[in-house]
Structures are given as structure tokens and as C-alpha cells.
């Protein structure tokens, strides 16, 4: 089983290629870097620190611009531009947290609101495909069950050509398991993307 450091070195090597070596389809130039947030070596704060260092190295060694984009920013933007936090507070008072989480999922996925993928595409397309890379971080914001990463892949397909790496907190048991919380693994459908950290 490769270590976090080993996986990061492989990703760094792949990022130096043009296009990045992880690109399996121009319709979805996407990779997933899995890390275990419960492993002392891979705790969230350390991963964020290593991501910042990686971004600096890639920018210094290539002609690419690396943007670190927290998914938490888009999460809260979706809520704000849908009905706002106050509406969720009232909903929780009246119907409880489970209903709030279901409502958040509607904000993040339903085209009648402000879907996460739309917000992400807007941010990705501010960069040029041949000179930009985006690191997607802070995916822990979706815990425990407000959003499925498979939804992101399905809705992102064909909508951007800017390479992106999602830093995914979770385990691997034949497929991805978000934060180790799912009763079933994360289905990735037919969209093939490179996953760094397939080891169990």
C-alpha cells in the first residue's frame, strides 16, 4: 500500500505533463486524490498544508496557474443564492436536521436552485485549459450526507476542459467511500477518472 507521500509524488509528476498525465478524457479532465482523514499522516490540516506546497511547486516548475478552490466556498454560496441560511435554520427548528440536509441536497443538485456543479463550472472556466489547474479542497463540508461526489462527476462531464484534482476524504474498499460513512460505496458510473489511492 503506497503512503500519502508516495501518492502525492506520483500526482506531482503527473501534473508536470501537458496535459496532466491523469487526463483520461478531454470531456472530463479530472482526477481524484483520496486521503484518509482518520489517519494521523493524512489529517485534514496536514493535507491542506501539503496541497498549498504542491500548488507552489507546480506553479514554479511549469507555466501553469494553480488555483486552490475550497468546495466549502461553493457549498455556502449555493445556500446563500438559493434561500439563505436563515431559511435552513427555520426548517431545522420545524422539521429537524435530516430535512435540512435533504433541502441542502436540493440546493446543490436541482437546476431550479444554484447547483454546485454550475458554480464550479463558472469558477473553472475563469482559467484557460492549457495554462490552468484547479485543486478542489475541503470536501468534508458535505458530511455526513448532503451531497454525493458521483453527482459532481455526472454533471461536470463535458462542461469544462480545465484540469482539476479533487482531494477526496474517505476510504477505498473496491470503490470510494466518503469519510468512511457510507453504507454503500460511491458509484462513479461510466465516467473514468484516475484515482490516486485505490488501496484499501
N, C-alpha and C. Protein backbone atom coordinates (compact mmCIF):
# COMPACT_ATOMS: atom_id res chain seq x y z
N UNK A 1 0.86 -1.19 0.00
CA UNK A 1 0.00 0.00 0.00
C UNK A 1 0.90 1.25 0.00
N UNK A 2 0.68 2.14 -0.96
CA UNK A 2 1.51 3.34 -1.06
C UNK A 2 1.13 4.34 0.03
N UNK A 3 2.11 5.09 0.47
CA UNK A 3 1.88 6.09 1.51
C UNK A 3 1.31 7.36 0.91
N UNK A 4 0.85 8.23 1.77
CA UNK A 4 0.34 9.53 1.34
C UNK A 4 1.43 10.28 0.57
N UNK A 5 2.65 10.24 1.07
CA UNK A 5 3.76 10.93 0.41
C UNK A 5 4.02 10.36 -0.97
N UNK A 6 3.98 9.04 -1.08
CA UNK A 6 4.20 8.38 -2.38
C UNK A 6 3.14 8.80 -3.39
N UNK A 7 1.89 8.80 -2.96
CA UNK A 7 0.78 9.16 -3.85
C UNK A 7 0.92 10.62 -4.30
N UNK A 8 1.32 11.48 -3.36
CA UNK A 8 1.48 12.90 -3.69
C UNK A 8 2.60 13.10 -4.71
N UNK A 9 3.67 12.34 -4.58
CA UNK A 9 4.78 12.44 -5.54
C UNK A 9 4.34 11.99 -6.93
N UNK A 10 3.52 10.94 -7.00
CA UNK A 10 3.01 10.48 -8.30
C UNK A 10 2.12 11.54 -8.92
N UNK A 11 1.23 12.13 -8.11
CA UNK A 11 0.36 13.19 -8.60
C UNK A 11 1.20 14.37 -9.10
N UNK A 12 2.22 14.75 -8.35
CA UNK A 12 3.07 15.88 -8.75
C UNK A 12 3.74 15.60 -10.09
N UNK A 13 4.23 14.40 -10.25
CA UNK A 13 4.85 14.02 -11.53
C UNK A 13 3.85 14.13 -12.67
N UNK A 14 2.63 13.65 -12.46
CA UNK A 14 1.60 13.68 -13.50
C UNK A 14 1.16 15.10 -13.83
N UNK A 15 1.18 15.98 -12.83
CA UNK A 15 0.77 17.37 -13.05
C UNK A 15 1.76 18.14 -13.92
N UNK A 16 2.99 17.65 -14.02
CA UNK A 16 4.00 18.36 -14.79
C UNK A 16 3.90 18.06 -16.28
N UNK A 17 3.09 17.06 -16.65
CA UNK A 17 2.89 16.75 -18.06
C UNK A 17 1.88 17.72 -18.67
N UNK A 18 1.91 17.85 -19.99
CA UNK A 18 0.96 18.70 -20.70
C UNK A 18 0.27 17.89 -21.79
N UNK A 19 -1.05 17.62 -21.65
CA UNK A 19 -1.88 17.91 -20.48
C UNK A 19 -1.48 17.01 -19.32
N UNK A 20 -2.00 17.26 -18.13
CA UNK A 20 -1.66 16.41 -16.99
C UNK A 20 -1.87 14.94 -17.32
N UNK A 21 -0.95 14.09 -16.87
CA UNK A 21 -0.97 12.68 -17.24
C UNK A 21 -2.19 11.93 -16.72
N UNK A 22 -2.90 12.50 -15.78
CA UNK A 22 -4.10 11.82 -15.29
C UNK A 22 -5.30 11.97 -16.22
N UNK A 23 -5.20 12.83 -17.21
CA UNK A 23 -6.34 13.11 -18.09
C UNK A 23 -6.67 11.87 -18.93
N UNK A 24 -7.83 11.28 -18.67
CA UNK A 24 -8.26 10.09 -19.40
C UNK A 24 -9.29 10.44 -20.47
N UNK A 25 -9.88 11.64 -20.36
CA UNK A 25 -10.87 12.09 -21.32
C UNK A 25 -10.88 13.61 -21.35
N UNK A 26 -10.89 14.18 -22.55
CA UNK A 26 -10.94 15.64 -22.66
C UNK A 26 -12.29 16.17 -22.18
N UNK A 27 -13.30 15.29 -22.13
CA UNK A 27 -14.62 15.69 -21.66
C UNK A 27 -14.69 15.75 -20.13
N UNK A 28 -13.72 15.12 -19.48
CA UNK A 28 -13.69 15.13 -18.02
C UNK A 28 -12.23 15.05 -17.56
N UNK A 29 -11.48 16.17 -17.69
CA UNK A 29 -10.06 16.19 -17.32
C UNK A 29 -9.90 16.30 -15.80
N UNK A 30 -10.16 15.21 -15.14
CA UNK A 30 -10.42 15.22 -13.71
C UNK A 30 -9.66 14.07 -13.06
N UNK A 31 -9.19 14.27 -11.85
CA UNK A 31 -8.58 13.21 -11.06
C UNK A 31 -9.06 13.32 -9.63
N UNK A 32 -9.02 12.20 -8.94
CA UNK A 32 -9.39 12.17 -7.52
C UNK A 32 -8.18 11.71 -6.72
N UNK A 33 -7.81 12.50 -5.73
CA UNK A 33 -6.73 12.12 -4.82
C UNK A 33 -7.37 11.79 -3.48
N UNK A 34 -7.42 10.48 -3.20
CA UNK A 34 -8.07 10.05 -1.95
C UNK A 34 -7.08 10.13 -0.79
N UNK A 35 -7.57 10.62 0.34
CA UNK A 35 -6.79 10.58 1.57
C UNK A 35 -7.69 10.17 2.72
N UNK A 36 -7.09 9.61 3.75
CA UNK A 36 -7.85 9.10 4.90
C UNK A 36 -7.79 10.13 6.03
N UNK A 37 -8.87 10.87 6.27
CA UNK A 37 -8.83 11.93 7.28
C UNK A 37 -8.70 11.40 8.70
N UNK A 38 -8.81 10.07 8.87
CA UNK A 38 -8.68 9.48 10.20
C UNK A 38 -7.26 8.95 10.45
N UNK A 39 -6.43 8.99 9.40
CA UNK A 39 -5.04 8.56 9.51
C UNK A 39 -4.21 9.75 9.99
N UNK A 40 -3.36 9.52 10.99
CA UNK A 40 -2.57 10.62 11.56
C UNK A 40 -1.72 11.32 10.51
N UNK A 41 -1.25 10.56 9.50
CA UNK A 41 -0.41 11.13 8.45
C UNK A 41 -1.23 11.97 7.47
N UNK A 42 -2.55 11.78 7.45
CA UNK A 42 -3.38 12.38 6.42
C UNK A 42 -4.51 13.24 6.99
N UNK A 43 -4.33 13.73 8.18
CA UNK A 43 -5.34 14.59 8.80
C UNK A 43 -5.58 15.82 7.93
N UNK A 44 -6.78 16.36 8.02
CA UNK A 44 -7.20 17.44 7.14
C UNK A 44 -6.22 18.61 7.12
N UNK A 45 -5.76 19.04 8.26
CA UNK A 45 -4.87 20.21 8.31
C UNK A 45 -3.56 19.94 7.59
N UNK A 46 -3.05 18.69 7.72
CA UNK A 46 -1.79 18.37 7.04
C UNK A 46 -1.99 18.29 5.54
N UNK A 47 -3.11 17.70 5.11
CA UNK A 47 -3.39 17.60 3.68
C UNK A 47 -3.47 18.99 3.06
N UNK A 48 -4.17 19.90 3.72
CA UNK A 48 -4.26 21.27 3.20
C UNK A 48 -2.89 21.92 3.08
N UNK A 49 -2.05 21.70 4.07
CA UNK A 49 -0.69 22.26 4.03
C UNK A 49 0.08 21.69 2.84
N UNK A 50 0.01 20.38 2.64
CA UNK A 50 0.72 19.75 1.54
C UNK A 50 0.18 20.20 0.18
N UNK A 51 -1.13 20.43 0.11
CA UNK A 51 -1.74 20.92 -1.14
C UNK A 51 -1.19 22.30 -1.48
N UNK A 52 -1.07 23.17 -0.48
CA UNK A 52 -0.51 24.50 -0.72
C UNK A 52 0.92 24.43 -1.23
N UNK A 53 1.71 23.54 -0.64
CA UNK A 53 3.09 23.38 -1.07
C UNK A 53 3.16 22.82 -2.49
N UNK A 54 2.29 21.84 -2.77
CA UNK A 54 2.24 21.25 -4.11
C UNK A 54 1.88 22.30 -5.15
N UNK A 55 0.89 23.12 -4.86
CA UNK A 55 0.48 24.17 -5.80
C UNK A 55 1.64 25.11 -6.10
N UNK A 56 2.39 25.48 -5.08
CA UNK A 56 3.54 26.37 -5.28
C UNK A 56 4.60 25.72 -6.15
N UNK A 57 4.88 24.44 -5.90
CA UNK A 57 5.91 23.74 -6.68
C UNK A 57 5.49 23.64 -8.15
N UNK A 58 4.23 23.29 -8.40
CA UNK A 58 3.76 23.13 -9.78
C UNK A 58 3.81 24.47 -10.51
N UNK A 59 3.40 25.54 -9.85
CA UNK A 59 3.45 26.86 -10.48
C UNK A 59 4.88 27.28 -10.78
N UNK A 60 5.81 26.95 -9.88
CA UNK A 60 7.21 27.34 -10.07
C UNK A 60 7.91 26.52 -11.15
N UNK A 61 7.45 25.29 -11.36
CA UNK A 61 8.14 24.38 -12.27
C UNK A 61 7.47 24.25 -13.64
N UNK A 62 6.29 24.82 -13.77
CA UNK A 62 5.57 24.77 -15.05
C UNK A 62 5.07 26.17 -15.38
N UNK A 63 4.42 26.30 -16.50
CA UNK A 63 3.83 27.59 -16.87
C UNK A 63 2.36 27.67 -16.51
N UNK A 64 1.93 26.79 -15.63
CA UNK A 64 0.51 26.73 -15.27
C UNK A 64 0.19 27.55 -14.02
N UNK A 65 -1.04 28.03 -14.00
CA UNK A 65 -1.59 28.68 -12.81
C UNK A 65 -2.38 27.64 -12.04
N UNK A 66 -2.05 27.45 -10.77
CA UNK A 66 -2.78 26.50 -9.93
C UNK A 66 -3.67 27.28 -8.97
N UNK A 67 -4.95 27.03 -9.04
CA UNK A 67 -5.89 27.68 -8.14
C UNK A 67 -6.44 26.66 -7.15
N UNK A 68 -6.37 26.98 -5.88
CA UNK A 68 -6.95 26.13 -4.84
C UNK A 68 -8.35 26.65 -4.56
N UNK A 69 -9.34 25.81 -4.82
CA UNK A 69 -10.74 26.21 -4.68
C UNK A 69 -11.43 25.34 -3.63
N UNK A 70 -11.74 25.90 -2.46
CA UNK A 70 -12.44 25.13 -1.43
C UNK A 70 -13.89 24.87 -1.85
N UNK A 71 -14.30 23.61 -1.83
CA UNK A 71 -15.69 23.29 -2.14
C UNK A 71 -16.64 23.84 -1.08
N UNK A 72 -16.10 24.11 0.11
CA UNK A 72 -16.92 24.72 1.15
C UNK A 72 -17.41 26.10 0.73
N UNK A 73 -16.58 26.82 -0.04
CA UNK A 73 -16.98 28.14 -0.54
C UNK A 73 -18.21 28.02 -1.45
N UNK A 74 -18.19 27.02 -2.33
CA UNK A 74 -19.31 26.83 -3.26
C UNK A 74 -20.54 26.29 -2.53
N UNK A 75 -20.32 25.47 -1.52
CA UNK A 75 -21.40 24.94 -0.68
C UNK A 75 -22.22 26.09 -0.08
N UNK A 76 -21.52 27.01 0.57
CA UNK A 76 -22.20 28.12 1.22
C UNK A 76 -22.76 29.12 0.21
N UNK A 77 -22.09 29.26 -0.92
CA UNK A 77 -22.61 30.13 -1.97
C UNK A 77 -23.93 29.60 -2.52
N UNK A 78 -24.01 28.28 -2.70
CA UNK A 78 -25.24 27.66 -3.18
C UNK A 78 -26.40 27.93 -2.22
N UNK A 79 -26.13 27.76 -0.94
CA UNK A 79 -27.17 28.01 0.07
C UNK A 79 -27.60 29.47 0.05
N UNK A 80 -26.61 30.36 0.05
CA UNK A 80 -26.90 31.80 0.08
C UNK A 80 -27.73 32.23 -1.12
N UNK A 81 -27.38 31.71 -2.32
CA UNK A 81 -28.05 32.14 -3.53
C UNK A 81 -29.33 31.34 -3.82
N UNK A 82 -29.64 30.39 -2.96
CA UNK A 82 -30.91 29.65 -3.08
C UNK A 82 -31.94 30.33 -2.16
N UNK A 83 -31.97 29.92 -0.90
CA UNK A 83 -32.91 30.56 0.03
C UNK A 83 -32.24 31.19 1.24
N UNK A 84 -30.95 30.91 1.40
CA UNK A 84 -30.23 31.51 2.51
C UNK A 84 -30.21 30.65 3.76
N UNK A 85 -29.26 30.94 4.63
CA UNK A 85 -29.07 30.18 5.86
C UNK A 85 -30.26 30.30 6.80
N UNK A 86 -30.86 31.48 6.86
CA UNK A 86 -31.98 31.68 7.77
C UNK A 86 -33.13 30.73 7.47
N UNK A 87 -33.38 30.48 6.20
CA UNK A 87 -34.44 29.55 5.81
C UNK A 87 -34.14 28.14 6.33
N UNK A 88 -32.87 27.75 6.31
CA UNK A 88 -32.49 26.44 6.82
C UNK A 88 -32.62 26.36 8.34
N UNK A 89 -32.29 27.45 9.00
CA UNK A 89 -32.43 27.49 10.46
C UNK A 89 -33.89 27.28 10.85
N UNK A 90 -34.78 27.96 10.16
CA UNK A 90 -36.22 27.81 10.44
C UNK A 90 -36.69 26.40 10.13
N UNK A 91 -36.18 25.84 9.03
CA UNK A 91 -36.57 24.48 8.66
C UNK A 91 -36.12 23.48 9.72
N UNK A 92 -34.91 23.67 10.24
CA UNK A 92 -34.43 22.74 11.27
C UNK A 92 -35.26 22.85 12.54
N UNK A 93 -35.65 24.05 12.89
CA UNK A 93 -36.49 24.23 14.09
C UNK A 93 -37.82 23.49 13.93
N UNK A 94 -38.36 23.53 12.71
CA UNK A 94 -39.68 22.95 12.48
C UNK A 94 -39.64 21.45 12.15
N UNK A 95 -38.61 21.02 11.42
CA UNK A 95 -38.64 19.64 10.91
C UNK A 95 -37.39 18.82 11.22
N UNK A 96 -36.37 19.42 11.80
CA UNK A 96 -35.18 18.66 12.19
C UNK A 96 -34.09 18.64 11.14
N UNK A 97 -32.91 18.12 11.57
CA UNK A 97 -31.71 18.20 10.75
C UNK A 97 -31.79 17.38 9.47
N UNK A 98 -32.41 16.20 9.54
CA UNK A 98 -32.48 15.33 8.35
C UNK A 98 -33.16 16.06 7.19
N UNK A 99 -34.21 16.79 7.48
CA UNK A 99 -34.89 17.55 6.44
C UNK A 99 -34.04 18.70 5.92
N UNK A 100 -33.25 19.29 6.81
CA UNK A 100 -32.34 20.36 6.38
C UNK A 100 -31.31 19.80 5.40
N UNK A 101 -30.76 18.63 5.73
CA UNK A 101 -29.76 18.02 4.86
C UNK A 101 -30.37 17.69 3.50
N UNK A 102 -31.59 17.21 3.48
CA UNK A 102 -32.26 16.93 2.21
C UNK A 102 -32.48 18.21 1.41
N UNK A 103 -32.81 19.29 2.09
CA UNK A 103 -33.02 20.56 1.41
C UNK A 103 -31.70 21.08 0.82
N UNK A 104 -30.61 20.94 1.59
CA UNK A 104 -29.31 21.35 1.09
C UNK A 104 -28.96 20.57 -0.16
N UNK A 105 -29.26 19.28 -0.15
CA UNK A 105 -29.00 18.47 -1.33
C UNK A 105 -29.76 18.99 -2.54
N UNK A 106 -30.97 19.47 -2.34
CA UNK A 106 -31.74 20.06 -3.43
C UNK A 106 -31.05 21.31 -3.96
N UNK A 107 -30.58 22.16 -3.05
CA UNK A 107 -29.86 23.36 -3.48
C UNK A 107 -28.66 22.99 -4.34
N UNK A 108 -27.92 21.96 -3.91
CA UNK A 108 -26.66 21.59 -4.54
C UNK A 108 -26.82 20.83 -5.85
N UNK A 109 -28.02 20.29 -6.10
CA UNK A 109 -28.20 19.42 -7.27
C UNK A 109 -29.31 19.84 -8.22
N UNK A 110 -30.32 20.54 -7.72
CA UNK A 110 -31.51 20.85 -8.53
C UNK A 110 -31.29 22.11 -9.36
N UNK A 111 -31.48 22.04 -10.68
CA UNK A 111 -31.26 23.22 -11.54
C UNK A 111 -32.18 24.39 -11.22
N UNK A 112 -33.25 24.16 -10.46
CA UNK A 112 -34.12 25.27 -10.06
C UNK A 112 -33.48 26.13 -8.97
N UNK A 113 -32.40 25.62 -8.35
CA UNK A 113 -31.70 26.39 -7.33
C UNK A 113 -30.34 26.82 -7.87
N UNK A 114 -29.28 26.65 -7.08
CA UNK A 114 -27.92 27.02 -7.53
C UNK A 114 -27.01 25.80 -7.37
N UNK A 115 -27.08 24.87 -8.32
CA UNK A 115 -26.32 23.62 -8.18
C UNK A 115 -24.82 23.84 -8.04
N UNK A 116 -24.21 22.99 -7.25
CA UNK A 116 -22.78 23.07 -7.02
C UNK A 116 -22.01 22.99 -8.34
N UNK A 117 -22.44 22.11 -9.24
CA UNK A 117 -21.70 21.95 -10.48
C UNK A 117 -21.71 23.23 -11.31
N UNK A 118 -22.84 23.93 -11.35
CA UNK A 118 -22.90 25.19 -12.09
C UNK A 118 -21.91 26.20 -11.52
N UNK A 119 -21.88 26.29 -10.20
CA UNK A 119 -20.95 27.22 -9.55
C UNK A 119 -19.51 26.83 -9.83
N UNK A 120 -19.24 25.53 -9.80
CA UNK A 120 -17.89 25.06 -10.06
C UNK A 120 -17.46 25.33 -11.50
N UNK A 121 -18.34 25.07 -12.46
CA UNK A 121 -18.02 25.32 -13.86
C UNK A 121 -17.71 26.80 -14.08
N UNK A 122 -18.48 27.67 -13.44
CA UNK A 122 -18.23 29.10 -13.56
C UNK A 122 -16.81 29.44 -13.09
N UNK A 123 -16.38 28.82 -12.00
CA UNK A 123 -15.04 29.09 -11.47
C UNK A 123 -13.96 28.45 -12.34
N UNK A 124 -14.17 27.21 -12.77
CA UNK A 124 -13.19 26.53 -13.60
C UNK A 124 -12.94 27.28 -14.89
N UNK A 125 -14.01 27.77 -15.49
CA UNK A 125 -13.88 28.40 -16.80
C UNK A 125 -13.33 29.83 -16.76
N UNK A 126 -12.96 30.27 -15.57
CA UNK A 126 -12.22 31.52 -15.47
C UNK A 126 -10.75 31.31 -15.84
N UNK A 127 -10.34 30.03 -15.89
CA UNK A 127 -8.97 29.69 -16.26
C UNK A 127 -8.93 29.13 -17.68
N UNK A 128 -7.76 29.14 -18.28
CA UNK A 128 -7.58 28.57 -19.61
C UNK A 128 -7.15 27.12 -19.48
N UNK A 129 -7.74 26.23 -20.28
CA UNK A 129 -7.43 24.80 -20.16
C UNK A 129 -5.95 24.46 -20.30
N UNK A 130 -5.24 25.21 -21.13
CA UNK A 130 -3.83 24.87 -21.38
C UNK A 130 -2.88 25.49 -20.37
N UNK A 131 -3.37 26.38 -19.53
CA UNK A 131 -2.48 27.02 -18.55
C UNK A 131 -2.98 26.96 -17.11
N UNK A 132 -4.16 26.41 -16.89
CA UNK A 132 -4.73 26.40 -15.55
C UNK A 132 -4.97 25.01 -15.01
N UNK A 133 -4.87 24.88 -13.70
CA UNK A 133 -5.21 23.66 -12.97
C UNK A 133 -5.94 24.10 -11.71
N UNK A 134 -6.96 23.35 -11.33
CA UNK A 134 -7.70 23.66 -10.10
C UNK A 134 -7.58 22.49 -9.13
N UNK A 135 -7.26 22.81 -7.88
CA UNK A 135 -7.27 21.84 -6.79
C UNK A 135 -8.54 22.08 -5.98
N UNK A 136 -9.40 21.08 -5.93
CA UNK A 136 -10.65 21.18 -5.17
C UNK A 136 -10.44 20.59 -3.78
N UNK A 137 -10.62 21.42 -2.76
CA UNK A 137 -10.34 21.01 -1.39
C UNK A 137 -11.59 21.15 -0.52
N UNK A 138 -11.44 20.78 0.73
CA UNK A 138 -12.46 20.92 1.77
C UNK A 138 -13.78 20.23 1.41
N UNK A 139 -13.67 19.04 0.84
CA UNK A 139 -14.86 18.26 0.50
C UNK A 139 -15.53 17.69 1.75
N UNK A 140 -14.88 17.83 2.90
CA UNK A 140 -15.51 17.37 4.15
C UNK A 140 -16.78 18.16 4.46
N UNK A 141 -16.98 19.26 3.79
CA UNK A 141 -18.15 20.10 4.05
C UNK A 141 -19.46 19.35 3.77
N UNK A 142 -19.41 18.29 2.95
CA UNK A 142 -20.63 17.57 2.58
C UNK A 142 -21.04 16.53 3.61
N UNK A 143 -20.24 16.31 4.64
CA UNK A 143 -20.55 15.29 5.65
C UNK A 143 -21.75 15.73 6.49
N UNK A 144 -22.59 14.77 6.91
CA UNK A 144 -22.43 13.36 6.58
C UNK A 144 -23.02 12.93 5.24
N UNK A 145 -24.07 13.62 4.75
CA UNK A 145 -24.72 13.08 3.54
C UNK A 145 -25.47 14.13 2.73
N UNK A 146 -24.92 15.36 2.64
CA UNK A 146 -25.65 16.40 1.91
C UNK A 146 -25.41 16.35 0.41
N UNK A 147 -24.36 15.61 -0.03
CA UNK A 147 -24.02 15.62 -1.45
C UNK A 147 -23.16 14.41 -1.76
N UNK A 148 -23.33 13.83 -2.97
CA UNK A 148 -22.52 12.71 -3.40
C UNK A 148 -21.56 13.17 -4.50
N UNK A 149 -20.30 12.80 -4.36
CA UNK A 149 -19.28 13.20 -5.33
C UNK A 149 -19.60 12.65 -6.72
N UNK A 150 -20.26 11.49 -6.79
CA UNK A 150 -20.64 10.94 -8.09
C UNK A 150 -21.54 11.90 -8.87
N UNK A 151 -22.35 12.66 -8.16
CA UNK A 151 -23.20 13.67 -8.79
C UNK A 151 -22.34 14.73 -9.48
N UNK A 152 -21.25 15.11 -8.81
CA UNK A 152 -20.34 16.10 -9.38
C UNK A 152 -19.76 15.60 -10.70
N UNK A 153 -19.32 14.35 -10.72
CA UNK A 153 -18.74 13.79 -11.93
C UNK A 153 -19.76 13.71 -13.06
N UNK A 154 -20.96 13.26 -12.73
CA UNK A 154 -22.01 13.14 -13.75
C UNK A 154 -22.34 14.48 -14.38
N UNK A 155 -22.45 15.52 -13.55
CA UNK A 155 -22.91 16.81 -14.05
C UNK A 155 -21.77 17.67 -14.61
N UNK A 156 -20.53 17.30 -14.29
CA UNK A 156 -19.38 18.07 -14.78
C UNK A 156 -18.95 17.59 -16.18
N UNK A 157 -19.34 16.39 -16.53
CA UNK A 157 -18.88 15.78 -17.79
C UNK A 157 -19.22 16.67 -19.00
N UNK A 158 -18.18 17.01 -19.77
CA UNK A 158 -18.36 17.79 -20.99
C UNK A 158 -18.55 19.28 -20.80
N UNK A 159 -18.46 19.78 -19.58
CA UNK A 159 -18.76 21.18 -19.34
C UNK A 159 -17.52 22.05 -19.11
N UNK A 160 -16.37 21.43 -19.02
CA UNK A 160 -15.13 22.20 -18.86
C UNK A 160 -13.96 21.37 -19.38
N UNK A 161 -12.92 22.07 -19.81
CA UNK A 161 -11.70 21.38 -20.23
C UNK A 161 -10.51 21.78 -19.35
N UNK A 162 -10.82 22.47 -18.27
CA UNK A 162 -9.77 22.85 -17.32
C UNK A 162 -9.48 21.67 -16.39
N UNK A 163 -8.24 21.20 -16.33
CA UNK A 163 -7.90 20.08 -15.46
C UNK A 163 -8.16 20.40 -13.99
N UNK A 164 -8.67 19.40 -13.27
CA UNK A 164 -8.96 19.60 -11.85
C UNK A 164 -8.63 18.33 -11.08
N UNK A 165 -8.19 18.52 -9.85
CA UNK A 165 -7.93 17.41 -8.93
C UNK A 165 -8.80 17.61 -7.70
N UNK A 166 -9.62 16.62 -7.40
CA UNK A 166 -10.44 16.65 -6.20
C UNK A 166 -9.72 15.88 -5.10
N UNK A 167 -9.47 16.54 -3.98
CA UNK A 167 -8.88 15.88 -2.83
C UNK A 167 -10.03 15.33 -1.97
N UNK A 168 -10.14 14.01 -2.01
CA UNK A 168 -11.33 13.30 -1.53
C UNK A 168 -11.06 12.62 -0.18
N UNK A 169 -11.76 13.04 0.88
CA UNK A 169 -11.57 12.41 2.18
C UNK A 169 -12.40 11.13 2.28
N UNK A 170 -11.74 10.00 2.42
CA UNK A 170 -12.51 8.77 2.52
C UNK A 170 -11.65 7.53 2.44
N UNK A 171 -12.32 6.40 2.37
CA UNK A 171 -11.64 5.11 2.30
C UNK A 171 -11.85 4.49 0.93
N UNK A 172 -11.12 3.41 0.69
CA UNK A 172 -11.26 2.66 -0.56
C UNK A 172 -11.51 1.20 -0.22
N UNK A 173 -12.65 0.69 -0.61
CA UNK A 173 -12.99 -0.72 -0.38
C UNK A 173 -13.50 -1.32 -1.68
N UNK A 174 -12.74 -1.11 -2.75
CA UNK A 174 -13.19 -1.53 -4.07
C UNK A 174 -13.81 -0.38 -4.83
N UNK A 175 -14.19 0.65 -4.12
CA UNK A 175 -14.67 1.92 -4.66
C UNK A 175 -14.52 2.95 -3.55
N UNK A 176 -14.85 4.19 -3.87
CA UNK A 176 -14.69 5.26 -2.89
C UNK A 176 -15.81 5.23 -1.85
N UNK A 177 -15.44 5.51 -0.61
CA UNK A 177 -16.42 5.61 0.46
C UNK A 177 -16.16 6.92 1.20
N UNK A 178 -17.05 7.88 1.01
CA UNK A 178 -16.88 9.23 1.53
C UNK A 178 -16.80 9.24 3.05
N UNK A 179 -15.67 9.70 3.57
CA UNK A 179 -15.41 9.82 5.01
C UNK A 179 -15.57 8.49 5.75
N UNK A 180 -15.66 7.38 4.99
CA UNK A 180 -15.91 6.08 5.60
C UNK A 180 -17.30 5.99 6.20
N UNK A 181 -18.22 6.87 5.78
CA UNK A 181 -19.55 6.97 6.40
C UNK A 181 -20.65 6.24 5.64
N UNK A 182 -20.41 5.94 4.35
CA UNK A 182 -21.47 5.40 3.53
C UNK A 182 -21.74 3.93 3.85
N UNK A 183 -22.99 3.54 3.78
CA UNK A 183 -23.33 2.12 3.88
C UNK A 183 -22.96 1.41 2.58
N UNK A 184 -22.98 2.17 1.50
CA UNK A 184 -22.54 1.65 0.21
C UNK A 184 -21.47 2.58 -0.34
N UNK A 185 -20.60 2.04 -1.19
CA UNK A 185 -19.53 2.85 -1.75
C UNK A 185 -20.05 3.85 -2.76
N UNK A 186 -19.23 4.83 -3.08
CA UNK A 186 -19.59 5.90 -4.01
C UNK A 186 -19.56 5.36 -5.45
N UNK A 187 -20.71 5.31 -6.13
CA UNK A 187 -20.71 4.83 -7.51
C UNK A 187 -20.16 5.92 -8.43
N UNK A 188 -19.20 5.54 -9.27
CA UNK A 188 -18.61 6.50 -10.18
C UNK A 188 -19.19 6.41 -11.59
N UNK A 189 -20.15 5.51 -11.78
CA UNK A 189 -20.82 5.42 -13.07
C UNK A 189 -19.85 5.06 -14.17
N UNK A 190 -20.10 5.56 -15.36
CA UNK A 190 -19.27 5.21 -16.52
C UNK A 190 -18.16 6.23 -16.75
N UNK A 191 -18.03 7.22 -15.88
CA UNK A 191 -17.03 8.26 -16.07
C UNK A 191 -15.70 7.81 -15.47
N UNK A 192 -14.74 7.52 -16.33
CA UNK A 192 -13.46 7.00 -15.89
C UNK A 192 -12.53 8.16 -15.54
N UNK A 193 -12.11 8.20 -14.31
CA UNK A 193 -11.14 9.20 -13.87
C UNK A 193 -10.06 8.48 -13.08
N UNK A 194 -8.86 9.03 -13.10
CA UNK A 194 -7.78 8.43 -12.34
C UNK A 194 -7.98 8.72 -10.86
N UNK A 195 -7.80 7.68 -10.04
CA UNK A 195 -7.93 7.82 -8.60
C UNK A 195 -6.59 7.49 -7.97
N UNK A 196 -6.00 8.46 -7.28
CA UNK A 196 -4.77 8.23 -6.55
C UNK A 196 -5.16 7.77 -5.15
N UNK A 197 -4.84 6.52 -4.85
CA UNK A 197 -5.19 5.99 -3.53
C UNK A 197 -6.31 4.99 -3.59
N UNK A 198 -6.19 4.03 -4.49
CA UNK A 198 -7.20 2.96 -4.59
C UNK A 198 -7.01 1.89 -3.53
N UNK A 199 -5.91 1.95 -2.79
CA UNK A 199 -5.63 0.90 -1.81
C UNK A 199 -6.66 0.92 -0.70
N UNK A 200 -6.95 -0.21 -0.13
CA UNK A 200 -7.90 -0.30 0.98
C UNK A 200 -7.22 0.13 2.27
